[in-house]
Amino acid sequence: MFGSQLGFMYFKLCLQIGLFKLVLSSNLACYGFINIKC
């Protein structure tokens, strides 16, 4: 029970970090290239 709950928390954390990196990289791409429309 505890192990699966810990794994789920770790999965959520990885998902949040991945989403944050995706948003950050897309924002950097938008700032870097003017011809890309956000």
C-alpha atoms as a PDB file:
ATOM      1  CA  MET A   1       0.000   0.000   0.000  1.00  0.00           C
ATOM      2  CA  PHE A   2       2.650   2.488   1.038  1.00  0.00           C
ATOM      3  CA  GLY A   3       4.999   1.529  -1.799  1.00  0.00           C
ATOM      4  CA  SER A   4       2.379   2.034  -4.487  1.00  0.00           C
ATOM      5  CA  GLN A   5       1.363   5.362  -2.954  1.00  0.00           C
ATOM      6  CA  LEU A   6       5.002   6.484  -2.954  1.00  0.00           C
ATOM      7  CA  GLY A   7       5.372   5.423  -6.578  1.00  0.00           C
ATOM      8  CA  PHE A   8       2.267   7.394  -7.507  1.00  0.00           C
ATOM      9  CA  MET A   9       3.626  10.514  -5.777  1.00  0.00           C
ATOM     10  CA  TYR A  10       6.929  10.092  -7.615  1.00  0.00           C
ATOM     11  CA  PHE A  11       5.056   9.690 -10.903  1.00  0.00           C
ATOM     12  CA  LYS A  12       3.065  12.890 -10.254  1.00  0.00           C
ATOM     13  CA  LEU A  13       6.266  14.763  -9.422  1.00  0.00           C
ATOM     14  CA  CYS A  14       7.948  13.597 -12.624  1.00  0.00           C
ATOM     15  CA  LEU A  15       4.858  14.565 -14.604  1.00  0.00           C
ATOM     16  CA  GLN A  16       4.835  18.063 -13.100  1.00  0.00           C
ATOM     17  CA  ILE A  17       8.553  18.552 -13.766  1.00  0.00           C
ATOM     18  CA  GLY A  18       8.163  17.336 -17.344  1.00  0.00           C
ATOM     19  CA  LEU A  19       5.216  19.671 -17.915  1.00  0.00           C
ATOM     20  CA  PHE A  20       7.158  22.581 -16.408  1.00  0.00           C
ATOM     21  CA  LYS A  21      10.161  21.893 -18.675  1.00  0.00           C
ATOM     22  CA  LEU A  22       7.865  21.672 -21.687  1.00  0.00           C
ATOM     23  CA  VAL A  23       6.224  25.021 -20.887  1.00  0.00           C
ATOM     24  CA  LEU A  24       9.591  26.610 -20.160  1.00  0.00           C
ATOM     25  CA  SER A  25      11.179  25.379 -23.395  1.00  0.00           C
ATOM     26  CA  SER A  26       8.172  26.469 -25.480  1.00  0.00           C
ATOM     27  CA  ASN A  27       8.311  29.913 -23.859  1.00  0.00           C
ATOM     28  CA  LEU A  28      12.035  30.145 -24.607  1.00  0.00           C
ATOM     29  CA  ALA A  29      11.366  29.159 -28.216  1.00  0.00           C
ATOM     30  CA  CYS A  30       8.694  31.855 -28.470  1.00  0.00           C
ATOM     31  CA  TYR A  31      11.021  34.493 -27.047  1.00  0.00           C
ATOM     32  CA  GLY A  32      13.929  33.316 -29.194  1.00  0.00           C
ATOM     33  CA  PHE A  33      12.130  33.332 -32.548  1.00  0.00           C
ATOM     34  CA  ILE A  34       9.847  36.231 -33.385  1.00  0.00           C
ATOM     35  CA  ASN A  35       8.217  34.442 -36.327  1.00  0.00           C
ATOM     36  CA  ILE A  36       6.701  31.781 -34.009  1.00  0.00           C
ATOM     37  CA  LYS A  37       3.222  32.817 -32.897  1.00  0.00           C
ATOM     38  CA  CYS A  38       2.172  31.812 -29.380  1.00  0.00           C
END
